[in-house]
């Protein structure tokens, strides 16, 4: 696979992983808020949920991809786990499960 195509595939993989994790976090927050409060709001802050779940992962993966390009140079990033930059992806994933 070409270097840039491989990098795009790896970036999309991590983006989808972070989006799913963010939506899981948002739904957990929403359900916790519904179950723990007596007051029921008539409107759901869906714009905030959508912005958090789609924009935050895009920012994280963009930052990771830029740093990977500067640290690893050209070629496929198939050895991304050996880079210190990988913690930019791992830290939000681990933090969302705490």
PDB file of N, CA and C in Angstrom:
ATOM      1  N   UNK A   1       0.850  -1.174   0.000  1.00  0.00           N
ATOM      2  CA  UNK A   1       0.000   0.000   0.000  1.00  0.00           C
ATOM      3  C   UNK A   1       0.896   1.237   0.000  1.00  0.00           C
ATOM      4  N   UNK A   2       0.478   2.265  -0.691  1.00  0.00           N
ATOM      5  CA  UNK A   2       1.257   3.495  -0.737  1.00  0.00           C
ATOM      6  C   UNK A   2       1.319   4.127   0.644  1.00  0.00           C
ATOM      7  N   UNK A   3       2.380   4.908   0.877  1.00  0.00           N
ATOM      8  CA  UNK A   3       2.590   5.503   2.192  1.00  0.00           C
ATOM      9  C   UNK A   3       1.457   6.395   2.648  1.00  0.00           C
ATOM     10  N   UNK A   4       1.011   7.306   1.799  1.00  0.00           N
ATOM     11  CA  UNK A   4      -0.034   8.235   2.221  1.00  0.00           C
ATOM     12  C   UNK A   4      -1.369   7.531   2.402  1.00  0.00           C
ATOM     13  N   UNK A   5      -1.651   6.531   1.577  1.00  0.00           N
ATOM     14  CA  UNK A   5      -2.904   5.793   1.698  1.00  0.00           C
ATOM     15  C   UNK A   5      -2.920   4.964   2.982  1.00  0.00           C
ATOM     16  N   UNK A   6      -1.792   4.390   3.306  1.00  0.00           N
ATOM     17  CA  UNK A   6      -1.659   3.641   4.555  1.00  0.00           C
ATOM     18  C   UNK A   6      -1.858   4.571   5.752  1.00  0.00           C
ATOM     19  N   UNK A   7      -1.292   5.770   5.686  1.00  0.00           N
ATOM     20  CA  UNK A   7      -1.422   6.733   6.779  1.00  0.00           C
ATOM     21  C   UNK A   7      -2.863   7.211   6.940  1.00  0.00           C
ATOM     22  N   UNK A   8      -3.548   7.412   5.839  1.00  0.00           N
ATOM     23  CA  UNK A   8      -4.957   7.815   5.896  1.00  0.00           C
ATOM     24  C   UNK A   8      -5.800   6.698   6.501  1.00  0.00           C
ATOM     25  N   UNK A   9      -5.528   5.455   6.115  1.00  0.00           N
ATOM     26  CA  UNK A   9      -6.282   4.320   6.658  1.00  0.00           C
ATOM     27  C   UNK A   9      -6.063   4.185   8.164  1.00  0.00           C
ATOM     28  N   UNK A  10      -4.837   4.345   8.618  1.00  0.00           N
ATOM     29  CA  UNK A  10      -4.550   4.255  10.054  1.00  0.00           C
ATOM     30  C   UNK A  10      -5.202   5.421  10.795  1.00  0.00           C
ATOM     31  N   UNK A  11      -5.153   6.616  10.221  1.00  0.00           N
ATOM     32  CA  UNK A  11      -5.778   7.779  10.851  1.00  0.00           C
ATOM     33  C   UNK A  11      -7.291   7.615  10.941  1.00  0.00           C
ATOM     34  N   UNK A  12      -7.918   7.109   9.882  1.00  0.00           N
ATOM     35  CA  UNK A  12      -9.367   6.876   9.916  1.00  0.00           C
ATOM     36  C   UNK A  12      -9.739   5.795  10.923  1.00  0.00           C
ATOM     37  N   UNK A  13      -8.885   4.808  11.060  1.00  0.00           N
ATOM     38  CA  UNK A  13      -9.111   3.767  12.062  1.00  0.00           C
ATOM     39  C   UNK A  13      -9.148   4.376  13.460  1.00  0.00           C
ATOM     40  N   UNK A  14      -8.164   5.197  13.781  1.00  0.00           N
ATOM     41  CA  UNK A  14      -8.124   5.812  15.105  1.00  0.00           C
ATOM     42  C   UNK A  14      -9.236   6.836  15.291  1.00  0.00           C
ATOM     43  N   UNK A  15      -9.593   7.548  14.223  1.00  0.00           N
ATOM     44  CA  UNK A  15     -10.696   8.499  14.315  1.00  0.00           C
ATOM     45  C   UNK A  15     -11.999   7.775  14.638  1.00  0.00           C
ATOM     46  N   UNK A  16     -12.269   6.682  13.951  1.00  0.00           N
ATOM     47  CA  UNK A  16     -13.509   5.944  14.221  1.00  0.00           C
ATOM     48  C   UNK A  16     -13.499   5.351  15.625  1.00  0.00           C
ATOM     49  N   UNK A  17     -12.362   4.888  16.075  1.00  0.00           N
ATOM     50  CA  UNK A  17     -12.258   4.355  17.434  1.00  0.00           C
ATOM     51  C   UNK A  17     -12.537   5.439  18.473  1.00  0.00           C
ATOM     52  N   UNK A  18     -11.987   6.623  18.274  1.00  0.00           N
ATOM     53  CA  UNK A  18     -12.221   7.720  19.212  1.00  0.00           C
ATOM     54  C   UNK A  18     -13.655   8.240  19.141  1.00  0.00           C
ATOM     55  N   UNK A  19     -14.246   8.270  17.948  1.00  0.00           N
ATOM     56  CA  UNK A  19     -15.639   8.727  17.819  1.00  0.00           C
ATOM     57  C   UNK A  19     -16.581   7.788  18.563  1.00  0.00           C
ATOM     58  N   UNK A  20     -16.392   6.499  18.392  1.00  0.00           N
ATOM     59  CA  UNK A  20     -17.240   5.524  19.090  1.00  0.00           C
ATOM     60  C   UNK A  20     -17.077   5.663  20.601  1.00  0.00           C
ATOM     61  N   UNK A  21     -15.849   5.849  21.053  1.00  0.00           N
ATOM     62  CA  UNK A  21     -15.595   5.998  22.482  1.00  0.00           C
ATOM     63  C   UNK A  21     -16.212   7.287  23.013  1.00  0.00           C
ATOM     64  N   UNK A  22     -16.126   8.372  22.256  1.00  0.00           N
ATOM     65  CA  UNK A  22     -16.730   9.636  22.693  1.00  0.00           C
ATOM     66  C   UNK A  22     -18.251   9.540  22.744  1.00  0.00           C
ATOM     67  N   UNK A  23     -18.860   8.874  21.765  1.00  0.00           N
ATOM     68  CA  UNK A  23     -20.313   8.707  21.803  1.00  0.00           C
ATOM     69  C   UNK A  23     -20.729   7.847  22.991  1.00  0.00           C
ATOM     70  N   UNK A  24     -19.939   6.837  23.300  1.00  0.00           N
ATOM     71  CA  UNK A  24     -20.236   6.012  24.467  1.00  0.00           C
ATOM     72  C   UNK A  24     -20.153   6.848  25.744  1.00  0.00           C
ATOM     73  N   UNK A  25     -19.164   7.716  25.828  1.00  0.00           N
ATOM     74  CA  UNK A  25     -19.018   8.596  26.979  1.00  0.00           C
ATOM     75  C   UNK A  25     -20.181   9.578  27.071  1.00  0.00           C
ATOM     76  N   UNK A  26     -20.594  10.139  25.947  1.00  0.00           N
ATOM     77  CA  UNK A  26     -21.709  11.083  25.914  1.00  0.00           C
ATOM     78  C   UNK A  26     -23.012  10.397  26.316  1.00  0.00           C
ATOM     79  N   UNK A  27     -23.255   9.202  25.803  1.00  0.00           N
ATOM     80  CA  UNK A  27     -24.487   8.491  26.160  1.00  0.00           C
ATOM     81  C   UNK A  27     -24.497   8.091  27.626  1.00  0.00           C
ATOM     82  N   UNK A  28     -23.348   7.713  28.154  1.00  0.00           N
ATOM     83  CA  UNK A  28     -23.259   7.413  29.577  1.00  0.00           C
ATOM     84  C   UNK A  28     -23.544   8.638  30.418  1.00  0.00           C
ATOM     85  N   UNK A  29     -23.018   9.782  30.016  1.00  0.00           N
ATOM     86  CA  UNK A  29     -23.290  11.032  30.730  1.00  0.00           C
ATOM     87  C   UNK A  29     -24.769  11.387  30.644  1.00  0.00           C
ATOM     88  N   UNK A  30     -25.345  11.243  29.464  1.00  0.00           N
ATOM     89  CA  UNK A  30     -26.760  11.563  29.278  1.00  0.00           C
ATOM     90  C   UNK A  30     -27.650  10.671  30.143  1.00  0.00           C
ATOM     91  N   UNK A  31     -27.384   9.371  30.141  1.00  0.00           N
ATOM     92  CA  UNK A  31     -28.197   8.456  30.947  1.00  0.00           C
ATOM     93  C   UNK A  31     -28.009   8.702  32.439  1.00  0.00           C
ATOM     94  N   UNK A  32     -26.796   8.993  32.848  1.00  0.00           N
ATOM     95  CA  UNK A  32     -26.550   9.297  34.255  1.00  0.00           C
ATOM     96  C   UNK A  32     -27.289  10.563  34.675  1.00  0.00           C
ATOM     97  N   UNK A  33     -27.300  11.554  33.805  1.00  0.00           N
ATOM     98  CA  UNK A  33     -28.013  12.792  34.106  1.00  0.00           C
ATOM     99  C   UNK A  33     -29.519  12.553  34.187  1.00  0.00           C
ATOM    100  N   UNK A  34     -30.047  11.729  33.298  1.00  0.00           N
ATOM    101  CA  UNK A  34     -31.484  11.437  33.313  1.00  0.00           C
ATOM    102  C   UNK A  34     -31.895  10.656  34.563  1.00  0.00           C
ATOM    103  N   UNK A  35     -31.056   9.725  34.974  1.00  0.00           N
ATOM    104  CA  UNK A  35     -31.408   8.886  36.112  1.00  0.00           C
ATOM    105  C   UNK A  35     -31.147   9.544  37.458  1.00  0.00           C
ATOM    106  N   UNK A  36     -30.242  10.497  37.512  1.00  0.00           N
ATOM    107  CA  UNK A  36     -29.869  11.061  38.805  1.00  0.00           C
ATOM    108  C   UNK A  36     -30.571  12.367  39.139  1.00  0.00           C
ATOM    109  N   UNK A  37     -31.306  12.943  38.215  1.00  0.00           N
ATOM    110  CA  UNK A  37     -31.994  14.197  38.507  1.00  0.00           C
ATOM    111  C   UNK A  37     -33.497  13.990  38.462  1.00  0.00           C
ATOM    112  N   UNK A  38     -34.155  14.699  39.356  1.00  0.00           N
ATOM    113  CA  UNK A  38     -35.619  14.651  39.352  1.00  0.00           C
ATOM    114  C   UNK A  38     -36.181  15.565  38.273  1.00  0.00           C
ATOM    115  N   UNK A  39     -35.491  16.650  38.061  1.00  0.00           N
ATOM    116  CA  UNK A  39     -35.914  17.624  37.071  1.00  0.00           C
ATOM    117  C   UNK A  39     -35.585  17.103  35.674  1.00  0.00           C
ATOM    118  N   UNK A  40     -36.589  16.997  34.834  1.00  0.00           N
ATOM    119  CA  UNK A  40     -36.392  16.502  33.476  1.00  0.00           C
ATOM    120  C   UNK A  40     -36.417  17.690  32.522  1.00  0.00           C
ATOM    121  N   UNK A  41     -35.311  17.860  31.810  1.00  0.00           N
ATOM    122  CA  UNK A  41     -35.258  18.950  30.838  1.00  0.00           C
ATOM    123  C   UNK A  41     -36.018  18.543  29.585  1.00  0.00           C
ATOM    124  N   UNK A  42     -36.649  19.529  28.987  1.00  0.00           N
ATOM    125  CA  UNK A  42     -37.416  19.227  27.779  1.00  0.00           C
ATOM    126  C   UNK A  42     -36.516  19.134  26.548  1.00  0.00           C
ATOM    127  N   UNK A  43     -35.357  19.789  26.601  1.00  0.00           N
ATOM    128  CA  UNK A  43     -34.473  19.766  25.442  1.00  0.00           C
ATOM    129  C   UNK A  43     -33.167  19.068  25.793  1.00  0.00           C
ATOM    130  N   UNK A  44     -32.700  18.290  24.862  1.00  0.00           N
ATOM    131  CA  UNK A  44     -31.424  17.591  25.006  1.00  0.00           C
ATOM    132  C   UNK A  44     -30.358  18.466  24.341  1.00  0.00           C
ATOM    133  N   UNK A  45     -29.218  18.679  24.996  1.00  0.00           N
ATOM    134  CA  UNK A  45     -28.168  19.505  24.367  1.00  0.00           C
ATOM    135  C   UNK A  45     -27.432  18.737  23.264  1.00  0.00           C
ATOM    136  N   UNK A  46     -28.168  18.406  22.212  1.00  0.00           N
ATOM    137  CA  UNK A  46     -27.641  17.540  21.165  1.00  0.00           C
ATOM    138  C   UNK A  46     -26.473  18.179  20.420  1.00  0.00           C
ATOM    139  N   UNK A  47     -26.494  19.504  20.264  1.00  0.00           N
ATOM    140  CA  UNK A  47     -25.389  20.164  19.555  1.00  0.00           C
ATOM    141  C   UNK A  47     -24.078  20.018  20.317  1.00  0.00           C
ATOM    142  N   UNK A  48     -24.149  20.117  21.627  1.00  0.00           N
ATOM    143  CA  UNK A  48     -22.941  19.934  22.442  1.00  0.00           C
ATOM    144  C   UNK A  48     -22.453  18.495  22.348  1.00  0.00           C
ATOM    145  N   UNK A  49     -23.372  17.557  22.369  1.00  0.00           N
ATOM    146  CA  UNK A  49     -23.000  16.147  22.272  1.00  0.00           C
ATOM    147  C   UNK A  49     -22.364  15.837  20.918  1.00  0.00           C
ATOM    148  N   UNK A  50     -22.957  16.358  19.860  1.00  0.00           N
ATOM    149  CA  UNK A  50     -22.429  16.116  18.515  1.00  0.00           C
ATOM    150  C   UNK A  50     -21.058  16.770  18.357  1.00  0.00           C
ATOM    151  N   UNK A  51     -20.933  18.001  18.843  1.00  0.00           N
ATOM    152  CA  UNK A  51     -19.646  18.693  18.735  1.00  0.00           C
ATOM    153  C   UNK A  51     -18.562  17.947  19.501  1.00  0.00           C
ATOM    154  N   UNK A  52     -18.883  17.496  20.693  1.00  0.00           N
ATOM    155  CA  UNK A  52     -17.892  16.767  21.482  1.00  0.00           C
ATOM    156  C   UNK A  52     -17.517  15.454  20.811  1.00  0.00           C
ATOM    157  N   UNK A  53     -18.502  14.742  20.300  1.00  0.00           N
ATOM    158  CA  UNK A  53     -18.260  13.392  19.787  1.00  0.00           C
ATOM    159  C   UNK A  53     -17.606  13.354  18.413  1.00  0.00           C
ATOM    160  N   UNK A  54     -17.704  14.420  17.639  1.00  0.00           N
ATOM    161  CA  UNK A  54     -17.096  14.419  16.308  1.00  0.00           C
ATOM    162  C   UNK A  54     -15.878  15.335  16.203  1.00  0.00           C
ATOM    163  N   UNK A  55     -15.906  16.471  16.896  1.00  0.00           N
ATOM    164  CA  UNK A  55     -14.823  17.451  16.754  1.00  0.00           C
ATOM    165  C   UNK A  55     -13.617  17.095  17.611  1.00  0.00           C
ATOM    166  N   UNK A  56     -13.847  16.673  18.839  1.00  0.00           N
ATOM    167  CA  UNK A  56     -12.725  16.328  19.724  1.00  0.00           C
ATOM    168  C   UNK A  56     -11.877  15.190  19.138  1.00  0.00           C
ATOM    169  N   UNK A  57     -12.471  14.093  18.657  1.00  0.00           N
ATOM    170  CA  UNK A  57     -11.635  13.068  18.024  1.00  0.00           C
ATOM    171  C   UNK A  57     -10.897  13.569  16.779  1.00  0.00           C
ATOM    172  N   UNK A  58     -11.531  14.443  16.014  1.00  0.00           N
ATOM    173  CA  UNK A  58     -10.862  14.991  14.828  1.00  0.00           C
ATOM    174  C   UNK A  58      -9.639  15.803  15.230  1.00  0.00           C
ATOM    175  N   UNK A  59      -9.765  16.583  16.298  1.00  0.00           N
ATOM    176  CA  UNK A  59      -8.627  17.361  16.783  1.00  0.00           C
ATOM    177  C   UNK A  59      -7.506  16.448  17.271  1.00  0.00           C
ATOM    178  N   UNK A  60      -7.860  15.419  18.027  1.00  0.00           N
ATOM    179  CA  UNK A  60      -6.854  14.501  18.576  1.00  0.00           C
ATOM    180  C   UNK A  60      -6.127  13.759  17.459  1.00  0.00           C
ATOM    181  N   UNK A  61      -6.869  13.232  16.505  1.00  0.00           N
ATOM    182  CA  UNK A  61      -6.246  12.479  15.410  1.00  0.00           C
ATOM    183  C   UNK A  61      -5.439  13.407  14.504  1.00  0.00           C
ATOM    184  N   UNK A  62      -5.904  14.621  14.286  1.00  0.00           N
ATOM    185  CA  UNK A  62      -5.132  15.574  13.479  1.00  0.00           C
ATOM    186  C   UNK A  62      -3.809  15.906  14.151  1.00  0.00           C
ATOM    187  N   UNK A  63      -3.857  16.148  15.447  1.00  0.00           N
ATOM    188  CA  UNK A  63      -2.628  16.417  16.192  1.00  0.00           C
ATOM    189  C   UNK A  63      -1.685  15.224  16.122  1.00  0.00           C
ATOM    190  N   UNK A  64      -2.227  14.027  16.304  1.00  0.00           N
ATOM    191  CA  UNK A  64      -1.420  12.808  16.231  1.00  0.00           C
ATOM    192  C   UNK A  64      -0.802  12.636  14.842  1.00  0.00           C
ATOM    193  N   UNK A  65      -1.597  12.857  13.794  1.00  0.00           N
ATOM    194  CA  UNK A  65      -1.103  12.673  12.423  1.00  0.00           C
ATOM    195  C   UNK A  65      -0.009  13.681  12.084  1.00  0.00           C
ATOM    196  N   UNK A  66      -0.174  14.915  12.528  1.00  0.00           N
ATOM    197  CA  UNK A  66       0.854  15.928  12.266  1.00  0.00           C
ATOM    198  C   UNK A  66       2.153  15.558  12.970  1.00  0.00           C
ATOM    199  N   UNK A  67       2.052  15.159  14.225  1.00  0.00           N
ATOM    200  CA  UNK A  67       3.260  14.781  14.962  1.00  0.00           C
ATOM    201  C   UNK A  67       3.888  13.503  14.410  1.00  0.00           C
ATOM    202  N   UNK A  68       3.072  12.567  13.960  1.00  0.00           N
ATOM    203  CA  UNK A  68       3.614  11.349  13.346  1.00  0.00           C
ATOM    204  C   UNK A  68       4.363  11.677  12.058  1.00  0.00           C
ATOM    205  N   UNK A  69       3.834  12.605  11.288  1.00  0.00           N
ATOM    206  CA  UNK A  69       4.503  12.985  10.040  1.00  0.00           C
ATOM    207  C   UNK A  69       5.857  13.633  10.325  1.00  0.00           C
ATOM    208  N   UNK A  70       5.907  14.461  11.367  1.00  0.00           N
ATOM    209  CA  UNK A  70       7.175  15.117  11.694  1.00  0.00           C
ATOM    210  C   UNK A  70       8.174  14.170  12.345  1.00  0.00           C
ATOM    211  N   UNK A  71       7.702  13.223  13.144  1.00  0.00           N
ATOM    212  CA  UNK A  71       8.636  12.338  13.847  1.00  0.00           C
ATOM    213  C   UNK A  71       9.029  11.118  13.022  1.00  0.00           C
ATOM    214  N   UNK A  72       8.089  10.552  12.256  1.00  0.00           N
ATOM    215  CA  UNK A  72       8.386   9.335  11.497  1.00  0.00           C
ATOM    216  C   UNK A  72       8.714   9.593  10.040  1.00  0.00           C
ATOM    217  N   UNK A  73       8.389  10.763   9.558  1.00  0.00           N
ATOM    218  CA  UNK A  73       8.690  11.075   8.166  1.00  0.00           C
ATOM    219  C   UNK A  73       7.751  10.365   7.210  1.00  0.00           C
ATOM    220  N   UNK A  74       8.242  10.128   6.016  1.00  0.00           N
ATOM    221  CA  UNK A  74       7.398   9.509   4.998  1.00  0.00           C
ATOM    222  C   UNK A  74       7.360   7.999   5.185  1.00  0.00           C
ATOM    223  N   UNK A  75       6.474   7.396   4.485  1.00  0.00           N
ATOM    224  CA  UNK A  75       6.288   5.953   4.612  1.00  0.00           C
ATOM    225  C   UNK A  75       5.079   5.640   5.470  1.00  0.00           C
ATOM    226  N   UNK A  76       4.765   4.382   5.537  1.00  0.00           N
ATOM    227  CA  UNK A  76       3.596   3.942   6.297  1.00  0.00           C
ATOM    228  C   UNK A  76       3.882   3.993   7.794  1.00  0.00           C
ATOM    229  N   UNK A  77       2.861   4.342   8.559  1.00  0.00           N
ATOM    230  CA  UNK A  77       2.999   4.428  10.012  1.00  0.00           C
ATOM    231  C   UNK A  77       2.601   3.111  10.666  1.00  0.00           C
ATOM    232  N   UNK A  78       2.904   2.000  10.048  1.00  0.00           N
ATOM    233  CA  UNK A  78       2.481   0.707  10.593  1.00  0.00           C
ATOM    234  C   UNK A  78       3.148   0.387  11.925  1.00  0.00           C
ATOM    235  N   UNK A  79       4.227   1.072  12.250  1.00  0.00           N
ATOM    236  CA  UNK A  79       4.891   0.857  13.541  1.00  0.00           C
ATOM    237  C   UNK A  79       4.546   1.978  14.522  1.00  0.00           C
ATOM    238  N   UNK A  80       3.296   2.430  14.498  1.00  0.00           N
ATOM    239  CA  UNK A  80       2.872   3.566  15.320  1.00  0.00           C
ATOM    240  C   UNK A  80       2.946   3.286  16.817  1.00  0.00           C
ATOM    241  N   UNK A  81       2.895   2.025  17.231  1.00  0.00           N
ATOM    242  CA  UNK A  81       2.939   1.729  18.667  1.00  0.00           C
ATOM    243  C   UNK A  81       4.324   1.939  19.254  1.00  0.00           C
ATOM    244  N   UNK A  82       5.340   1.986  18.427  1.00  0.00           N
ATOM    245  CA  UNK A  82       6.706   2.199  18.915  1.00  0.00           C
ATOM    246  C   UNK A  82       7.033   3.674  19.093  1.00  0.00           C
ATOM    247  N   UNK A  83       6.138   4.544  18.675  1.00  0.00           N
ATOM    248  CA  UNK A  83       6.364   5.978  18.771  1.00  0.00           C
ATOM    249  C   UNK A  83       5.803   6.510  20.086  1.00  0.00           C
ATOM    250  N   UNK A  84       6.463   7.524  20.639  1.00  0.00           N
ATOM    251  CA  UNK A  84       5.964   8.163  21.864  1.00  0.00           C
ATOM    252  C   UNK A  84       4.705   8.978  21.585  1.00  0.00           C
ATOM    253  N   UNK A  85       4.485   9.315  20.347  1.00  0.00           N
ATOM    254  CA  UNK A  85       3.321  10.101  19.949  1.00  0.00           C
ATOM    255  C   UNK A  85       2.035   9.288  20.096  1.00  0.00           C
ATOM    256  N   UNK A  86       2.155   7.979  20.174  1.00  0.00           N
ATOM    257  CA  UNK A  86       0.979   7.106  20.282  1.00  0.00           C
ATOM    258  C   UNK A  86       0.165   7.403  21.539  1.00  0.00           C
ATOM    259  N   UNK A  87       0.792   7.966  22.559  1.00  0.00           N
ATOM    260  CA  UNK A  87       0.072   8.283  23.797  1.00  0.00           C
ATOM    261  C   UNK A  87      -0.986   9.357  23.593  1.00  0.00           C
ATOM    262  N   UNK A  88      -0.885  10.131  22.523  1.00  0.00           N
ATOM    263  CA  UNK A  88      -1.923  11.118  22.214  1.00  0.00           C
ATOM    264  C   UNK A  88      -3.241  10.407  21.913  1.00  0.00           C
ATOM    265  N   UNK A  89      -3.181   9.225  21.343  1.00  0.00           N
ATOM    266  CA  UNK A  89      -4.380   8.439  21.043  1.00  0.00           C
ATOM    267  C   UNK A  89      -4.804   7.615  22.255  1.00  0.00           C
ATOM    268  N   UNK A  90      -3.853   7.013  22.936  1.00  0.00           N
ATOM    269  CA  UNK A  90      -4.160   6.077  24.023  1.00  0.00           C
ATOM    270  C   UNK A  90      -4.730   6.788  25.251  1.00  0.00           C
ATOM    271  N   UNK A  91      -4.192   7.948  25.597  1.00  0.00           N
ATOM    272  CA  UNK A  91      -4.607   8.639  26.818  1.00  0.00           C
ATOM    273  C   UNK A  91      -6.102   8.974  26.834  1.00  0.00           C
ATOM    274  N   UNK A  92      -6.691   9.566  25.782  1.00  0.00           N
ATOM    275  CA  UNK A  92      -8.134   9.819  25.818  1.00  0.00           C
ATOM    276  C   UNK A  92      -8.970   8.532  25.874  1.00  0.00           C
ATOM    277  N   UNK A  93      -8.488   7.475  25.220  1.00  0.00           N
ATOM    278  CA  UNK A  93      -9.225   6.209  25.263  1.00  0.00           C
ATOM    279  C   UNK A  93      -9.259   5.645  26.678  1.00  0.00           C
ATOM    280  N   UNK A  94      -8.116   5.636  27.334  1.00  0.00           N
ATOM    281  CA  UNK A  94      -8.053   5.110  28.700  1.00  0.00           C
ATOM    282  C   UNK A  94      -8.833   6.014  29.649  1.00  0.00           C
ATOM    283  N   UNK A  95      -8.707   7.327  29.480  1.00  0.00           N
ATOM    284  CA  UNK A  95      -9.400   8.266  30.363  1.00  0.00           C
ATOM    285  C   UNK A  95     -10.919   8.156  30.240  1.00  0.00           C
ATOM    286  N   UNK A  96     -11.413   7.814  29.074  1.00  0.00           N
ATOM    287  CA  UNK A  96     -12.868   7.716  28.903  1.00  0.00           C
ATOM    288  C   UNK A  96     -13.462   6.519  29.632  1.00  0.00           C
ATOM    289  N   UNK A  97     -12.639   5.529  29.928  1.00  0.00           N
ATOM    290  CA  UNK A  97     -13.140   4.351  30.629  1.00  0.00           C
ATOM    291  C   UNK A  97     -13.023   4.463  32.137  1.00  0.00           C
ATOM    292  N   UNK A  98     -12.422   5.534  32.622  1.00  0.00           N
ATOM    293  CA  UNK A  98     -12.278   5.692  34.077  1.00  0.00           C
ATOM    294  C   UNK A  98     -13.500   6.277  34.718  1.00  0.00           C
TER     295      UNK A  98
END
